[in-house]
């Protein structure tokens, strides 16, 4: 029987580790940390955190996100702006391109489908 994989208390998790940037920095590279607790069959799940800064994104994956803390502004290449704060959930569709601006440090839980 396959076991359930759990990551508890994502909002206060303290084992996040520095990770490769989620995108190309526009200006100084914001610090990013991650704690992936599931990685199987092209699906990854975990908690990610990013300090304030801007990144250019060109996503090759689909990703569901739920914002635990922070303030994030996403502007796609058609200048459609989505503003996100704690409690919001959203999906990055595969192929999404645009600018990610973390205004106040963001912590999210995610599911990535490769």
N, C-alpha and C. Protein backbone atom coordinates (compact mmCIF):
# COMPACT_ATOMS: atom_id res chain seq x y z
N UNK A 1 0.85 -1.18 0.00
CA UNK A 1 0.00 0.00 0.00
C UNK A 1 0.89 1.25 0.00
N UNK A 2 0.52 2.24 -0.78
CA UNK A 2 1.27 3.49 -0.85
C UNK A 2 0.92 4.38 0.33
N UNK A 3 1.94 4.99 0.94
CA UNK A 3 1.74 5.85 2.11
C UNK A 3 1.39 7.27 1.70
N UNK A 4 0.68 7.96 2.57
CA UNK A 4 0.38 9.38 2.38
C UNK A 4 1.63 10.18 2.74
N UNK A 5 1.96 11.17 1.91
CA UNK A 5 3.11 12.04 2.16
C UNK A 5 2.59 13.34 2.75
N UNK A 6 3.19 13.80 3.84
CA UNK A 6 2.69 14.96 4.58
C UNK A 6 3.79 15.99 4.79
N UNK A 7 3.42 17.25 4.68
CA UNK A 7 4.27 18.36 5.10
C UNK A 7 3.40 19.20 6.04
N UNK A 8 3.76 19.25 7.31
CA UNK A 8 2.93 19.94 8.30
C UNK A 8 3.38 21.38 8.50
N UNK A 9 2.43 22.22 8.83
CA UNK A 9 2.66 23.61 9.23
C UNK A 9 3.48 24.39 8.21
N UNK A 10 3.04 24.38 6.96
CA UNK A 10 3.79 25.04 5.88
C UNK A 10 4.00 26.54 6.15
N UNK A 11 3.05 27.18 6.83
CA UNK A 11 3.17 28.61 7.09
C UNK A 11 4.34 28.94 8.02
N UNK A 12 4.68 28.01 8.91
CA UNK A 12 5.76 28.26 9.88
C UNK A 12 6.96 27.34 9.68
N UNK A 13 6.96 26.59 8.60
CA UNK A 13 8.03 25.65 8.29
C UNK A 13 9.39 26.35 8.33
N UNK A 14 10.37 25.72 8.98
CA UNK A 14 11.68 26.39 9.08
C UNK A 14 12.81 25.59 8.43
N UNK A 15 12.48 24.63 7.58
CA UNK A 15 13.53 23.83 6.93
C UNK A 15 13.67 24.14 5.44
N UNK A 16 13.19 25.32 5.01
CA UNK A 16 13.34 25.69 3.60
C UNK A 16 14.82 25.93 3.30
N UNK A 17 15.24 25.50 2.11
CA UNK A 17 16.63 25.63 1.70
C UNK A 17 16.73 26.47 0.43
N UNK A 18 17.85 27.19 0.28
CA UNK A 18 18.07 27.99 -0.92
C UNK A 18 17.87 27.11 -2.15
N UNK A 19 17.28 27.68 -3.20
CA UNK A 19 17.00 26.90 -4.40
C UNK A 19 17.34 27.72 -5.64
N UNK A 20 17.30 27.06 -6.77
CA UNK A 20 17.53 27.69 -8.06
C UNK A 20 16.39 28.68 -8.30
N UNK A 21 16.68 29.79 -8.94
CA UNK A 21 15.68 30.83 -9.18
C UNK A 21 14.53 30.30 -10.03
N UNK A 22 13.34 30.74 -9.67
CA UNK A 22 12.10 30.41 -10.36
C UNK A 22 12.02 31.11 -11.71
N UNK A 23 12.82 32.15 -11.90
CA UNK A 23 12.81 32.91 -13.15
C UNK A 23 14.09 33.70 -13.31
N UNK A 24 14.14 34.50 -14.37
CA UNK A 24 15.31 35.34 -14.67
C UNK A 24 15.15 36.67 -13.92
N UNK A 25 16.14 37.04 -13.09
CA UNK A 25 16.00 38.28 -12.30
C UNK A 25 16.00 39.53 -13.17
N UNK A 26 15.17 40.50 -12.76
CA UNK A 26 15.17 41.84 -13.34
C UNK A 26 15.68 42.74 -12.23
N UNK A 27 16.96 43.01 -12.23
CA UNK A 27 17.59 43.68 -11.10
C UNK A 27 18.26 42.63 -10.23
N UNK A 28 18.37 42.94 -8.95
CA UNK A 28 19.02 42.01 -8.01
C UNK A 28 18.17 40.75 -7.83
N UNK A 29 18.84 39.59 -7.81
CA UNK A 29 18.15 38.31 -7.65
C UNK A 29 17.55 38.21 -6.24
N UNK A 30 16.22 38.06 -6.14
CA UNK A 30 15.63 37.87 -4.81
C UNK A 30 15.94 36.48 -4.27
N UNK A 31 16.19 36.40 -2.96
CA UNK A 31 16.44 35.11 -2.32
C UNK A 31 15.19 34.24 -2.41
N UNK A 32 15.39 32.96 -2.77
CA UNK A 32 14.29 32.01 -2.87
C UNK A 32 14.66 30.74 -2.11
N UNK A 33 13.68 30.19 -1.40
CA UNK A 33 13.88 28.99 -0.62
C UNK A 33 12.73 28.01 -0.87
N UNK A 34 13.02 26.73 -0.68
CA UNK A 34 12.04 25.70 -1.01
C UNK A 34 12.16 24.52 -0.06
N UNK A 35 11.04 23.85 0.14
CA UNK A 35 11.02 22.58 0.85
C UNK A 35 10.05 21.67 0.12
N UNK A 36 10.58 20.90 -0.82
CA UNK A 36 9.76 19.96 -1.61
C UNK A 36 9.61 18.68 -0.79
N UNK A 37 8.36 18.24 -0.60
CA UNK A 37 8.14 17.02 0.18
C UNK A 37 7.61 15.87 -0.67
N UNK A 38 7.31 16.15 -1.95
CA UNK A 38 6.80 15.09 -2.82
C UNK A 38 7.35 15.32 -4.22
N UNK A 39 7.92 14.26 -4.82
CA UNK A 39 8.46 14.33 -6.17
C UNK A 39 8.34 12.94 -6.79
N UNK A 40 7.28 12.76 -7.60
CA UNK A 40 7.05 11.46 -8.20
C UNK A 40 6.20 11.61 -9.46
N UNK A 41 6.56 10.87 -10.49
CA UNK A 41 5.77 10.80 -11.73
C UNK A 41 5.46 12.17 -12.32
N UNK A 42 6.42 13.11 -12.29
CA UNK A 42 6.23 14.41 -12.88
C UNK A 42 5.40 15.38 -12.06
N UNK A 43 5.17 15.05 -10.79
CA UNK A 43 4.43 15.93 -9.88
C UNK A 43 5.33 16.27 -8.70
N UNK A 44 5.42 17.57 -8.39
CA UNK A 44 6.19 18.02 -7.23
C UNK A 44 5.27 18.83 -6.33
N UNK A 45 5.45 18.71 -5.02
CA UNK A 45 4.66 19.46 -4.05
C UNK A 45 5.57 19.97 -2.95
N UNK A 46 5.26 21.15 -2.46
CA UNK A 46 6.07 21.68 -1.37
C UNK A 46 5.70 23.09 -1.01
N UNK A 47 6.63 23.74 -0.33
CA UNK A 47 6.48 25.12 0.11
C UNK A 47 7.65 25.91 -0.45
N UNK A 48 7.35 27.10 -0.99
CA UNK A 48 8.35 27.96 -1.61
C UNK A 48 8.20 29.35 -1.03
N UNK A 49 9.32 30.05 -0.89
CA UNK A 49 9.31 31.40 -0.36
C UNK A 49 10.24 32.26 -1.20
N UNK A 50 9.84 33.52 -1.42
CA UNK A 50 10.64 34.45 -2.21
C UNK A 50 10.60 35.83 -1.57
N UNK A 51 11.78 36.43 -1.43
CA UNK A 51 11.87 37.79 -0.90
C UNK A 51 11.52 38.78 -2.01
N UNK A 52 11.27 40.04 -1.66
CA UNK A 52 10.88 41.03 -2.65
C UNK A 52 11.88 41.15 -3.81
N UNK A 53 11.33 41.34 -5.00
CA UNK A 53 12.13 41.49 -6.21
C UNK A 53 11.28 41.14 -7.43
N UNK A 54 11.90 41.27 -8.61
CA UNK A 54 11.20 40.98 -9.87
C UNK A 54 11.91 39.88 -10.63
N UNK A 55 11.10 39.02 -11.24
CA UNK A 55 11.60 37.94 -12.07
C UNK A 55 10.81 37.91 -13.38
N UNK A 56 11.49 37.58 -14.46
CA UNK A 56 10.84 37.33 -15.74
C UNK A 56 10.57 35.83 -15.81
N UNK A 57 9.32 35.45 -16.05
CA UNK A 57 8.95 34.03 -16.08
C UNK A 57 8.55 33.58 -17.47
N UNK A 58 8.93 32.36 -17.79
CA UNK A 58 8.55 31.67 -19.03
C UNK A 58 8.35 30.21 -18.62
N UNK A 59 7.14 29.88 -18.19
CA UNK A 59 6.90 28.60 -17.52
C UNK A 59 6.65 27.45 -18.48
N UNK A 60 7.34 26.36 -18.22
CA UNK A 60 7.22 25.14 -19.02
C UNK A 60 6.42 24.08 -18.28
N UNK A 61 5.77 24.49 -17.19
CA UNK A 61 5.03 23.58 -16.31
C UNK A 61 3.65 24.18 -16.01
N UNK A 62 2.76 23.38 -15.45
CA UNK A 62 1.51 23.86 -14.86
C UNK A 62 1.70 23.82 -13.36
N UNK A 63 1.24 24.87 -12.67
CA UNK A 63 1.46 24.92 -11.22
C UNK A 63 0.25 25.51 -10.51
N UNK A 64 -0.26 24.78 -9.51
CA UNK A 64 -1.27 25.29 -8.60
C UNK A 64 -0.54 25.88 -7.40
N UNK A 65 -0.98 27.07 -6.95
CA UNK A 65 -0.35 27.74 -5.81
C UNK A 65 -1.42 28.23 -4.84
N UNK A 66 -1.11 28.19 -3.56
CA UNK A 66 -1.93 28.82 -2.52
C UNK A 66 -1.00 29.70 -1.70
N UNK A 67 -1.31 31.00 -1.64
CA UNK A 67 -0.46 31.97 -0.96
C UNK A 67 -0.74 31.93 0.55
N UNK A 68 0.32 31.68 1.32
CA UNK A 68 0.20 31.65 2.78
C UNK A 68 0.48 33.01 3.39
N UNK A 69 1.50 33.71 2.86
CA UNK A 69 1.86 35.04 3.35
C UNK A 69 2.38 35.87 2.18
N UNK A 70 2.31 37.18 2.32
CA UNK A 70 2.95 38.07 1.37
C UNK A 70 2.02 38.76 0.40
N UNK A 71 2.65 39.42 -0.57
CA UNK A 71 1.95 40.21 -1.59
C UNK A 71 2.72 40.03 -2.90
N UNK A 72 2.02 39.60 -3.94
CA UNK A 72 2.64 39.22 -5.20
C UNK A 72 1.83 39.81 -6.35
N UNK A 73 2.50 40.42 -7.30
CA UNK A 73 1.84 40.96 -8.49
C UNK A 73 2.41 40.25 -9.72
N UNK A 74 1.51 39.67 -10.52
CA UNK A 74 1.90 38.97 -11.75
C UNK A 74 1.32 39.73 -12.94
N UNK A 75 2.17 40.06 -13.90
CA UNK A 75 1.73 40.79 -15.09
C UNK A 75 2.14 39.97 -16.31
N UNK A 76 1.14 39.50 -17.07
CA UNK A 76 1.48 38.67 -18.23
C UNK A 76 1.92 39.53 -19.41
N UNK A 77 2.34 38.90 -20.48
CA UNK A 77 2.86 39.61 -21.64
C UNK A 77 1.79 40.43 -22.38
N UNK A 78 0.51 40.27 -22.00
CA UNK A 78 -0.57 41.09 -22.55
C UNK A 78 -0.96 42.21 -21.59
N UNK A 79 -0.11 42.43 -20.56
CA UNK A 79 -0.32 43.45 -19.53
C UNK A 79 -1.56 43.22 -18.67
N UNK A 80 -1.98 41.96 -18.55
CA UNK A 80 -3.05 41.62 -17.61
C UNK A 80 -2.40 41.41 -16.25
N UNK A 81 -2.87 42.15 -15.24
CA UNK A 81 -2.28 42.15 -13.91
C UNK A 81 -3.15 41.35 -12.95
N UNK A 82 -2.50 40.47 -12.19
CA UNK A 82 -3.17 39.71 -11.14
C UNK A 82 -2.43 40.00 -9.85
N UNK A 83 -3.16 40.50 -8.85
CA UNK A 83 -2.57 40.82 -7.55
C UNK A 83 -3.00 39.74 -6.56
N UNK A 84 -2.03 39.18 -5.84
CA UNK A 84 -2.29 38.06 -4.94
C UNK A 84 -1.81 38.37 -3.53
N UNK A 85 -2.59 37.92 -2.55
CA UNK A 85 -2.23 38.09 -1.14
C UNK A 85 -2.59 36.81 -0.39
N UNK A 86 -2.17 36.76 0.88
CA UNK A 86 -2.42 35.58 1.71
C UNK A 86 -3.88 35.14 1.61
N UNK A 87 -4.06 33.83 1.41
CA UNK A 87 -5.39 33.25 1.30
C UNK A 87 -5.83 33.00 -0.14
N UNK A 88 -5.14 33.60 -1.11
CA UNK A 88 -5.50 33.44 -2.52
C UNK A 88 -4.88 32.16 -3.09
N UNK A 89 -5.63 31.52 -3.99
CA UNK A 89 -5.15 30.36 -4.74
C UNK A 89 -5.24 30.69 -6.23
N UNK A 90 -4.32 30.13 -7.01
CA UNK A 90 -4.34 30.38 -8.45
C UNK A 90 -3.56 29.28 -9.17
N UNK A 91 -3.62 29.32 -10.50
CA UNK A 91 -2.90 28.37 -11.32
C UNK A 91 -2.08 29.11 -12.37
N UNK A 92 -0.78 28.78 -12.43
CA UNK A 92 0.06 29.20 -13.55
C UNK A 92 -0.18 28.16 -14.64
N UNK A 93 -0.75 28.54 -15.79
CA UNK A 93 -0.90 27.55 -16.86
C UNK A 93 0.44 27.34 -17.57
N UNK A 94 0.65 26.15 -18.06
CA UNK A 94 1.86 25.86 -18.84
C UNK A 94 1.95 26.87 -19.98
N UNK A 95 3.14 27.46 -20.14
CA UNK A 95 3.35 28.44 -21.19
C UNK A 95 3.16 29.88 -20.74
N UNK A 96 2.78 30.10 -19.47
CA UNK A 96 2.57 31.47 -19.00
C UNK A 96 3.89 32.23 -19.05
N UNK A 97 3.82 33.47 -19.55
CA UNK A 97 4.99 34.33 -19.63
C UNK A 97 4.62 35.70 -19.07
N UNK A 98 5.55 36.28 -18.31
CA UNK A 98 5.30 37.60 -17.78
C UNK A 98 6.29 37.96 -16.69
N UNK A 99 5.90 38.97 -15.90
CA UNK A 99 6.74 39.49 -14.84
C UNK A 99 6.11 39.15 -13.49
N UNK A 100 6.95 38.61 -12.61
CA UNK A 100 6.59 38.31 -11.24
C UNK A 100 7.22 39.37 -10.35
N UNK A 101 6.40 40.11 -9.60
CA UNK A 101 6.92 41.10 -8.66
C UNK A 101 6.47 40.75 -7.25
N UNK A 102 7.42 40.32 -6.43
CA UNK A 102 7.13 40.06 -5.03
C UNK A 102 7.29 41.39 -4.30
N UNK A 103 6.17 41.90 -3.78
CA UNK A 103 6.16 43.18 -3.09
C UNK A 103 6.54 43.00 -1.62
N UNK A 104 5.94 41.97 -1.00
CA UNK A 104 6.23 41.60 0.39
C UNK A 104 6.49 40.10 0.37
N UNK A 105 7.53 39.63 1.05
CA UNK A 105 7.95 38.22 0.99
C UNK A 105 6.75 37.28 0.89
N UNK A 106 6.78 36.43 -0.14
CA UNK A 106 5.70 35.48 -0.42
C UNK A 106 6.12 34.09 0.05
N UNK A 107 5.19 33.41 0.69
CA UNK A 107 5.33 31.98 0.96
C UNK A 107 4.08 31.32 0.40
N UNK A 108 4.32 30.27 -0.39
CA UNK A 108 3.20 29.56 -1.01
C UNK A 108 3.40 28.05 -0.87
N UNK A 109 2.31 27.33 -0.92
CA UNK A 109 2.37 25.89 -1.11
C UNK A 109 2.03 25.66 -2.58
N UNK A 110 2.63 24.64 -3.16
CA UNK A 110 2.48 24.45 -4.60
C UNK A 110 2.36 22.98 -4.97
N UNK A 111 1.77 22.78 -6.13
CA UNK A 111 1.80 21.50 -6.83
C UNK A 111 2.20 21.81 -8.26
N UNK A 112 3.31 21.25 -8.70
CA UNK A 112 3.80 21.44 -10.06
C UNK A 112 3.56 20.15 -10.84
N UNK A 113 3.04 20.31 -12.06
CA UNK A 113 2.87 19.17 -12.97
C UNK A 113 3.78 19.43 -14.16
N UNK A 114 4.76 18.56 -14.33
CA UNK A 114 5.76 18.73 -15.39
C UNK A 114 5.22 18.18 -16.70
